[in-house]
Amino acid sequence: MEIIEILREASNRIYKNVKDLAGTEQAAGDFGRGAGGDISRNIDIVAEKTVLDYLKEINFECIVLGEECGRVELSDNPKGYIIIDAIDGSANAVRGVPFFYVHWHLQLRINLVQLQMQLLQI
């Protein structure tokens, strides 16, 4: 599966799991401060758990750096990092304002020795 498809599927799963939460009492809650320092709301926790569960399900070998969970290693041999704020705009989501989204950053590891060897062969 292509990486863009993985990110799209994870985003679709987040949407499915939070679309009916936005603007409800269940979206809020105070779960303390997440790894990023902001107050974690229930909608944040649900969205981030959705991503982690999906990445584990497909055995995606990476390290996740999440705003709520911090660093989660999904492999002993990760192929890169996924940095995620599963609900960017949590205050809007809790209030039911439809301006919130999944914020992703994917950084794949490149083996510099292999890259140098490939460049030398050109």
Protein backbone atom coordinates (compact mmCIF):
# COMPACT_ATOMS: atom_id res chain seq x y z
CA MET A 1 0.00 0.00 0.00
CA GLU A 2 1.33 3.46 -0.91
CA ILE A 3 2.03 5.86 1.94
CA ILE A 4 -0.51 8.41 0.70
CA GLU A 5 -3.15 5.66 0.80
CA ILE A 6 -2.19 4.81 4.38
CA LEU A 7 -2.49 8.44 5.46
CA ARG A 8 -5.78 8.79 3.60
CA GLU A 9 -7.22 5.66 5.21
CA ALA A 10 -6.11 6.78 8.68
CA SER A 11 -7.70 10.18 8.05
CA ASN A 12 -10.94 8.53 6.90
CA ARG A 13 -11.00 6.41 10.05
CA ILE A 14 -10.47 9.48 12.21
CA TYR A 15 -13.34 11.22 10.42
CA LYS A 16 -15.61 8.22 10.93
CA ASN A 17 -14.78 8.04 14.65
CA VAL A 18 -15.05 11.76 15.48
CA LYS A 19 -17.67 13.18 13.11
CA ASP A 20 -20.52 12.55 15.55
CA LEU A 21 -18.45 13.68 18.56
CA ALA A 22 -17.75 17.23 17.36
CA GLY A 23 -19.88 19.77 19.19
CA THR A 24 -21.08 17.33 21.87
CA GLU A 25 -20.34 17.07 25.58
CA GLN A 26 -18.53 13.81 24.84
CA ALA A 27 -16.00 15.69 22.69
CA ALA A 28 -14.70 17.67 25.64
CA GLY A 29 -13.39 16.44 28.95
CA ASP A 30 -10.04 17.24 30.49
CA PHE A 31 -7.61 14.36 30.24
CA GLY A 32 -4.66 16.36 31.52
CA ARG A 33 -1.89 17.74 29.38
CA GLY A 34 -0.75 15.76 26.37
CA ALA A 35 2.88 15.37 25.38
CA GLY A 36 2.60 18.58 23.35
CA GLY A 37 1.57 20.56 26.44
CA ASP A 38 -2.05 21.30 25.50
CA ILE A 39 -5.06 20.00 27.39
CA SER A 40 -6.13 16.68 25.87
CA ARG A 41 -9.83 16.46 25.06
CA ASN A 42 -11.74 13.26 24.47
CA ILE A 43 -11.98 13.98 20.74
CA ASP A 44 -8.15 14.26 20.65
CA ILE A 45 -7.73 10.95 22.45
CA VAL A 46 -10.23 9.15 20.19
CA ALA A 47 -8.59 10.50 17.02
CA GLU A 48 -5.04 9.68 18.06
CA LYS A 49 -6.01 6.19 19.26
CA THR A 50 -7.66 5.62 15.88
CA VAL A 51 -4.38 6.39 14.10
CA LEU A 52 -2.28 4.24 16.43
CA ASP A 53 -4.69 1.30 16.17
CA TYR A 54 -4.70 1.49 12.37
CA LEU A 55 -0.91 1.75 12.05
CA LYS A 56 -0.56 -1.26 14.36
CA GLU A 57 -3.20 -3.16 12.37
CA ILE A 58 -1.26 -2.77 9.11
CA ASN A 59 2.14 -3.26 10.81
CA PHE A 60 3.41 0.12 9.65
CA GLU A 61 6.97 0.25 10.98
CA CYS A 62 7.47 3.76 12.27
CA ILE A 63 7.79 5.97 15.30
CA VAL A 64 4.75 8.11 16.02
CA LEU A 65 5.22 11.48 17.66
CA GLY A 66 1.74 12.47 18.77
CA GLU A 67 0.55 15.62 20.46
CA GLU A 68 -1.32 13.57 23.04
CA CYS A 69 0.70 10.35 23.35
CA GLY A 70 4.24 11.59 22.77
CA ARG A 71 6.65 9.06 21.29
CA VAL A 72 5.28 5.62 20.42
CA GLU A 73 7.59 3.14 18.72
CA LEU A 74 5.64 0.74 16.52
CA SER A 75 8.71 -1.18 15.41
CA ASP A 76 12.20 -2.15 16.49
CA ASN A 77 13.31 -1.21 12.98
CA PRO A 78 11.29 1.91 12.09
CA LYS A 79 11.32 3.20 8.53
CA GLY A 80 10.56 6.77 9.58
CA TYR A 81 8.50 9.08 11.72
CA ILE A 82 4.90 10.19 11.66
CA ILE A 83 4.30 13.41 13.52
CA ILE A 84 0.60 13.94 14.14
CA ASP A 85 -1.86 16.26 15.73
CA ALA A 86 -4.88 14.05 15.13
CA ILE A 87 -7.29 16.94 15.77
CA ASP A 88 -5.69 20.28 15.00
CA GLY A 89 -8.28 22.78 16.15
CA SER A 90 -9.56 20.86 19.17
CA ALA A 91 -11.29 23.93 20.64
CA ASN A 92 -13.26 24.33 17.42
CA ALA A 93 -14.12 20.62 17.34
CA VAL A 94 -15.34 20.66 20.95
CA ARG A 95 -17.52 23.71 20.21
CA GLY A 96 -18.85 22.22 16.98
CA VAL A 97 -17.14 24.80 14.75
CA PRO A 98 -16.34 22.90 11.53
CA PHE A 99 -12.75 24.14 11.22
CA PHE A 100 -10.50 21.34 12.46
CA TYR A 101 -8.38 18.79 10.66
CA VAL A 102 -5.74 16.07 10.88
CA HIS A 103 -2.24 17.53 10.78
CA TRP A 104 0.38 15.04 9.49
CA HIS A 105 4.06 15.11 8.84
CA LEU A 106 5.81 12.03 7.53
CA GLN A 107 9.59 11.75 7.58
CA LEU A 108 11.05 8.64 6.01
CA ARG A 109 14.52 7.57 6.97
CA ILE A 110 17.07 7.50 4.21
CA ASN A 111 20.15 5.38 4.59
CA LEU A 112 22.85 7.92 3.75
CA VAL A 113 25.41 5.24 2.88
CA GLN A 114 23.05 3.73 0.31
CA LEU A 115 22.20 7.18 -1.01
CA GLN A 116 25.89 8.05 -1.42
CA MET A 117 26.52 4.76 -3.22
CA GLN A 118 23.60 5.40 -5.56
CA LEU A 119 24.86 8.90 -6.31
CA LEU A 120 28.35 7.58 -7.05
CA GLN A 121 26.90 5.11 -9.57
CA ILE A 122 25.21 7.88 -11.55
